[in-house]
Amino acid sequence: MPAKIFNSKIINTTVWEHIVTGNSGYESTITVNVSNHNSFDVTVSLALTVSASIPMVSAKDVLFLDQLVYSRNTRQFPGIIMPENISLAIKSNYPNVSVLVYGYEEEI
């Protein structure tokens, strides 16, 4: 099973934003790279949730809360299991942050 890019985008908001949803019939193992393009540090949060709840993500769905990403630097969050039909969402305390999600899909 070859690796694939699930999504790549710039986050220009400070509310929860949808990144990718797991495909029906598949379970995915993903790595999330978050790059801070600002000249100051930012914090990001990641959540796995149902798409309908975004931008209102419940505290119980948060995987990583307020994780520091240094100025002009990248932070990696590897080995996240994304079940089918579940969405990955991200929130940053400042805009101008990019996110790249890549990994593997396995039929279930």
N, C-alpha and C. Protein backbone atom coordinates (compact mmCIF):
# COMPACT_ATOMS: atom_id res chain seq x y z
N MET A 1 0.84 -1.18 0.00
CA MET A 1 0.00 0.00 0.00
C MET A 1 0.89 1.24 0.00
N PRO A 2 0.79 2.04 -1.05
CA PRO A 2 1.63 3.23 -1.13
C PRO A 2 1.10 4.36 -0.24
N ALA A 3 2.03 5.18 0.19
CA ALA A 3 1.64 6.36 0.98
C ALA A 3 0.97 7.36 0.06
N LYS A 4 0.11 8.20 0.65
CA LYS A 4 -0.55 9.23 -0.15
C LYS A 4 -0.71 10.50 0.66
N ILE A 5 -0.88 11.59 -0.04
CA ILE A 5 -1.18 12.87 0.60
C ILE A 5 -2.69 13.00 0.69
N PHE A 6 -3.20 13.19 1.90
CA PHE A 6 -4.63 13.32 2.11
C PHE A 6 -5.10 14.76 1.90
N ASN A 7 -4.31 15.72 2.34
CA ASN A 7 -4.66 17.12 2.14
C ASN A 7 -3.48 18.01 2.52
N SER A 8 -3.49 19.21 1.96
CA SER A 8 -2.49 20.23 2.26
C SER A 8 -3.17 21.58 2.12
N LYS A 9 -3.07 22.42 3.13
CA LYS A 9 -3.73 23.73 3.04
C LYS A 9 -3.13 24.73 4.02
N ILE A 10 -3.39 26.00 3.75
CA ILE A 10 -3.01 27.10 4.64
C ILE A 10 -4.19 27.40 5.55
N ILE A 11 -3.93 27.55 6.83
CA ILE A 11 -4.96 27.89 7.80
C ILE A 11 -4.87 29.39 8.06
N ASN A 12 -5.91 30.11 7.66
CA ASN A 12 -5.93 31.56 7.84
C ASN A 12 -7.07 31.99 8.75
N THR A 13 -7.32 31.18 9.75
CA THR A 13 -8.38 31.47 10.70
C THR A 13 -7.94 30.99 12.08
N THR A 14 -8.66 31.39 13.10
CA THR A 14 -8.31 30.95 14.46
C THR A 14 -9.43 30.11 15.07
N VAL A 15 -10.31 29.58 14.23
CA VAL A 15 -11.36 28.66 14.70
C VAL A 15 -11.07 27.27 14.13
N TRP A 16 -11.77 26.26 14.64
CA TRP A 16 -11.57 24.90 14.14
C TRP A 16 -11.85 24.86 12.64
N GLU A 17 -10.97 24.19 11.92
CA GLU A 17 -11.13 24.06 10.48
C GLU A 17 -10.95 22.61 10.06
N HIS A 18 -11.85 22.15 9.20
CA HIS A 18 -11.80 20.78 8.68
C HIS A 18 -10.58 20.61 7.78
N ILE A 19 -9.88 19.48 7.95
CA ILE A 19 -8.72 19.19 7.11
C ILE A 19 -9.02 18.01 6.18
N VAL A 20 -9.45 16.89 6.74
CA VAL A 20 -9.70 15.69 5.94
C VAL A 20 -10.67 14.78 6.69
N THR A 21 -11.42 13.97 5.93
CA THR A 21 -12.32 12.98 6.51
C THR A 21 -11.90 11.60 6.03
N GLY A 22 -11.89 10.63 6.95
CA GLY A 22 -11.54 9.26 6.61
C GLY A 22 -12.54 8.66 5.63
N ASN A 23 -12.04 7.96 4.62
CA ASN A 23 -12.90 7.37 3.60
C ASN A 23 -13.68 6.19 4.15
N SER A 24 -14.92 6.05 3.71
CA SER A 24 -15.78 4.95 4.13
C SER A 24 -15.16 3.62 3.71
N GLY A 25 -15.13 2.67 4.64
CA GLY A 25 -14.56 1.36 4.36
C GLY A 25 -13.06 1.27 4.55
N TYR A 26 -12.44 2.37 5.01
CA TYR A 26 -10.99 2.40 5.20
C TYR A 26 -10.64 2.98 6.57
N GLU A 27 -9.53 2.51 7.10
CA GLU A 27 -8.93 3.11 8.30
C GLU A 27 -7.58 3.65 7.86
N SER A 28 -7.26 4.85 8.29
CA SER A 28 -6.03 5.50 7.85
C SER A 28 -5.08 5.73 9.02
N THR A 29 -3.79 5.58 8.74
CA THR A 29 -2.75 5.96 9.68
C THR A 29 -2.06 7.17 9.06
N ILE A 30 -2.16 8.30 9.76
CA ILE A 30 -1.68 9.54 9.17
C ILE A 30 -0.61 10.22 10.02
N THR A 31 0.14 11.06 9.36
CA THR A 31 1.08 11.98 10.00
C THR A 31 0.64 13.38 9.61
N VAL A 32 0.61 14.27 10.59
CA VAL A 32 0.22 15.65 10.35
C VAL A 32 1.44 16.54 10.58
N ASN A 33 1.84 17.27 9.54
CA ASN A 33 2.91 18.26 9.66
C ASN A 33 2.27 19.63 9.71
N VAL A 34 2.62 20.41 10.72
CA VAL A 34 2.10 21.77 10.87
C VAL A 34 3.28 22.72 10.79
N SER A 35 3.21 23.66 9.86
CA SER A 35 4.29 24.63 9.67
C SER A 35 3.81 26.02 10.04
N ASN A 36 4.60 26.69 10.85
CA ASN A 36 4.31 28.05 11.28
C ASN A 36 5.10 29.02 10.40
N HIS A 37 4.40 29.82 9.62
CA HIS A 37 5.04 30.76 8.70
C HIS A 37 5.19 32.16 9.31
N ASN A 38 4.88 32.29 10.58
CA ASN A 38 4.97 33.57 11.27
C ASN A 38 6.35 33.78 11.88
N SER A 39 6.64 35.01 12.27
CA SER A 39 7.91 35.34 12.92
C SER A 39 7.79 35.23 14.44
N PHE A 40 6.74 34.57 14.92
CA PHE A 40 6.51 34.35 16.35
C PHE A 40 5.90 32.96 16.53
N ASP A 41 5.99 32.43 17.74
CA ASP A 41 5.47 31.10 18.04
C ASP A 41 3.94 31.10 18.01
N VAL A 42 3.37 29.95 17.65
CA VAL A 42 1.91 29.76 17.70
C VAL A 42 1.63 28.45 18.42
N THR A 43 0.37 28.27 18.82
CA THR A 43 -0.06 26.98 19.36
C THR A 43 -1.17 26.44 18.46
N VAL A 44 -1.16 25.11 18.29
CA VAL A 44 -2.18 24.45 17.48
C VAL A 44 -2.81 23.33 18.29
N SER A 45 -4.06 23.03 17.94
CA SER A 45 -4.78 21.91 18.52
C SER A 45 -5.31 21.06 17.38
N LEU A 46 -5.32 19.73 17.58
CA LEU A 46 -5.85 18.78 16.60
C LEU A 46 -6.95 17.97 17.25
N ALA A 47 -7.99 17.65 16.46
CA ALA A 47 -9.12 16.86 16.98
C ALA A 47 -9.60 15.88 15.92
N LEU A 48 -10.11 14.74 16.36
CA LEU A 48 -10.82 13.79 15.50
C LEU A 48 -12.28 13.86 15.90
N THR A 49 -13.15 14.18 14.95
CA THR A 49 -14.54 14.43 15.26
C THR A 49 -15.42 14.13 14.06
N VAL A 50 -16.72 14.20 14.23
CA VAL A 50 -17.63 14.07 13.09
C VAL A 50 -17.69 15.40 12.37
N SER A 51 -17.74 15.36 11.05
CA SER A 51 -17.70 16.59 10.24
C SER A 51 -18.76 17.61 10.64
N ALA A 52 -19.93 17.11 10.99
CA ALA A 52 -21.04 18.01 11.29
C ALA A 52 -20.77 18.91 12.49
N SER A 53 -19.85 18.52 13.37
CA SER A 53 -19.59 19.31 14.57
C SER A 53 -18.63 20.47 14.34
N ILE A 54 -17.88 20.47 13.25
CA ILE A 54 -16.93 21.53 12.97
C ILE A 54 -17.70 22.77 12.56
N PRO A 55 -17.49 23.97 13.08
CA PRO A 55 -16.35 24.41 13.86
C PRO A 55 -16.51 24.28 15.37
N MET A 56 -17.56 23.60 15.84
CA MET A 56 -17.74 23.42 17.29
C MET A 56 -17.23 22.04 17.69
N VAL A 57 -15.97 21.95 18.07
CA VAL A 57 -15.36 20.68 18.44
C VAL A 57 -15.46 20.49 19.94
N SER A 58 -15.91 19.32 20.35
CA SER A 58 -16.05 19.00 21.77
C SER A 58 -14.68 18.73 22.38
N ALA A 59 -14.52 19.07 23.64
CA ALA A 59 -13.25 18.84 24.34
C ALA A 59 -12.85 17.37 24.34
N LYS A 60 -13.82 16.47 24.33
CA LYS A 60 -13.53 15.02 24.36
C LYS A 60 -12.91 14.53 23.04
N ASP A 61 -13.02 15.31 21.97
CA ASP A 61 -12.50 14.93 20.66
C ASP A 61 -11.08 15.44 20.39
N VAL A 62 -10.54 16.24 21.29
CA VAL A 62 -9.22 16.85 21.08
C VAL A 62 -8.11 15.84 21.35
N LEU A 63 -7.24 15.67 20.35
CA LEU A 63 -6.08 14.78 20.48
C LEU A 63 -4.88 15.51 21.07
N PHE A 64 -4.61 16.69 20.54
CA PHE A 64 -3.49 17.51 20.98
C PHE A 64 -4.01 18.91 21.25
N LEU A 65 -3.74 19.43 22.43
CA LEU A 65 -4.26 20.74 22.83
C LEU A 65 -3.13 21.73 23.00
N ASP A 66 -3.23 22.85 22.30
CA ASP A 66 -2.28 23.97 22.44
C ASP A 66 -0.82 23.53 22.37
N GLN A 67 -0.48 22.83 21.30
CA GLN A 67 0.89 22.37 21.09
C GLN A 67 1.71 23.48 20.43
N LEU A 68 2.87 23.75 20.98
CA LEU A 68 3.71 24.84 20.51
C LEU A 68 4.38 24.51 19.18
N VAL A 69 4.31 25.44 18.24
CA VAL A 69 5.05 25.37 16.98
C VAL A 69 5.88 26.65 16.90
N TYR A 70 7.18 26.49 16.96
CA TYR A 70 8.08 27.66 16.98
C TYR A 70 7.98 28.47 15.69
N SER A 71 8.38 29.73 15.78
CA SER A 71 8.35 30.62 14.61
C SER A 71 9.17 30.02 13.47
N ARG A 72 8.61 30.13 12.26
CA ARG A 72 9.27 29.65 11.04
C ARG A 72 9.79 28.22 11.21
N ASN A 73 8.94 27.35 11.77
CA ASN A 73 9.34 25.98 12.05
C ASN A 73 8.17 25.04 11.79
N THR A 74 8.46 23.75 11.83
CA THR A 74 7.45 22.71 11.59
C THR A 74 7.39 21.76 12.77
N ARG A 75 6.18 21.30 13.07
CA ARG A 75 5.98 20.29 14.12
C ARG A 75 5.24 19.12 13.50
N GLN A 76 5.66 17.91 13.86
CA GLN A 76 5.08 16.70 13.29
C GLN A 76 4.30 15.94 14.34
N PHE A 77 3.12 15.44 13.95
CA PHE A 77 2.27 14.62 14.81
C PHE A 77 2.06 13.28 14.09
N PRO A 78 2.92 12.29 14.36
CA PRO A 78 2.86 11.03 13.62
C PRO A 78 1.94 9.99 14.27
N GLY A 79 1.56 8.99 13.45
CA GLY A 79 0.89 7.80 13.95
C GLY A 79 -0.54 7.99 14.43
N ILE A 80 -1.28 8.92 13.85
CA ILE A 80 -2.67 9.14 14.24
C ILE A 80 -3.54 8.18 13.44
N ILE A 81 -4.36 7.41 14.13
CA ILE A 81 -5.30 6.49 13.48
C ILE A 81 -6.60 7.25 13.23
N MET A 82 -6.99 7.35 11.96
CA MET A 82 -8.21 8.07 11.60
C MET A 82 -9.24 7.05 11.09
N PRO A 83 -10.28 6.78 11.88
CA PRO A 83 -11.31 5.83 11.47
C PRO A 83 -12.12 6.34 10.28
N GLU A 84 -12.85 5.43 9.65
CA GLU A 84 -13.69 5.83 8.52
C GLU A 84 -14.74 6.84 8.96
N ASN A 85 -15.02 7.78 8.07
CA ASN A 85 -16.06 8.81 8.26
C ASN A 85 -15.83 9.73 9.46
N ILE A 86 -14.62 9.77 9.98
CA ILE A 86 -14.26 10.69 11.07
C ILE A 86 -13.33 11.75 10.49
N SER A 87 -13.49 12.98 10.93
CA SER A 87 -12.74 14.10 10.37
C SER A 87 -11.62 14.57 11.29
N LEU A 88 -10.55 15.02 10.66
CA LEU A 88 -9.46 15.67 11.37
C LEU A 88 -9.68 17.18 11.27
N ALA A 89 -9.60 17.87 12.39
CA ALA A 89 -9.75 19.32 12.43
C ALA A 89 -8.55 19.92 13.13
N ILE A 90 -8.24 21.17 12.77
CA ILE A 90 -7.12 21.88 13.37
C ILE A 90 -7.57 23.28 13.76
N LYS A 91 -6.94 23.79 14.81
CA LYS A 91 -7.16 25.17 15.24
C LYS A 91 -5.81 25.75 15.64
N SER A 92 -5.57 26.99 15.26
CA SER A 92 -4.34 27.70 15.61
C SER A 92 -4.71 29.01 16.31
N ASN A 93 -3.85 29.46 17.21
CA ASN A 93 -4.17 30.73 17.88
C ASN A 93 -3.84 31.94 17.00
N TYR A 94 -3.13 31.74 15.88
CA TYR A 94 -2.87 32.78 14.89
C TYR A 94 -2.98 32.18 13.50
N PRO A 95 -3.37 32.99 12.49
CA PRO A 95 -3.40 32.48 11.12
C PRO A 95 -1.99 32.35 10.54
N ASN A 96 -1.92 31.97 9.26
CA ASN A 96 -0.66 31.81 8.52
C ASN A 96 0.11 30.57 8.96
N VAL A 97 -0.64 29.48 9.12
CA VAL A 97 -0.09 28.18 9.47
C VAL A 97 -0.51 27.20 8.37
N SER A 98 0.40 26.35 7.93
CA SER A 98 0.02 25.36 6.92
C SER A 98 0.03 23.97 7.53
N VAL A 99 -0.77 23.10 6.93
CA VAL A 99 -0.88 21.72 7.41
C VAL A 99 -0.79 20.77 6.22
N LEU A 100 -0.05 19.70 6.39
CA LEU A 100 0.10 18.65 5.39
C LEU A 100 -0.21 17.33 6.07
N VAL A 101 -1.17 16.58 5.51
CA VAL A 101 -1.56 15.29 6.08
C VAL A 101 -1.22 14.21 5.07
N TYR A 102 -0.42 13.23 5.48
CA TYR A 102 -0.08 12.13 4.60
C TYR A 102 -0.05 10.83 5.40
N GLY A 103 -0.10 9.71 4.70
CA GLY A 103 -0.09 8.43 5.38
C GLY A 103 -0.60 7.31 4.51
N TYR A 104 -1.22 6.31 5.17
CA TYR A 104 -1.66 5.09 4.50
C TYR A 104 -3.12 4.82 4.80
N GLU A 105 -3.81 4.20 3.83
CA GLU A 105 -5.17 3.73 4.01
C GLU A 105 -5.17 2.21 3.97
N GLU A 106 -6.00 1.62 4.82
CA GLU A 106 -6.13 0.16 4.82
C GLU A 106 -7.62 -0.18 4.82
N GLU A 107 -8.00 -1.07 3.90
CA GLU A 107 -9.40 -1.48 3.82
C GLU A 107 -9.78 -2.27 5.08
N ILE A 108 -10.98 -1.97 5.62
CA ILE A 108 -11.42 -2.68 6.82
C ILE A 108 -12.65 -3.54 6.53
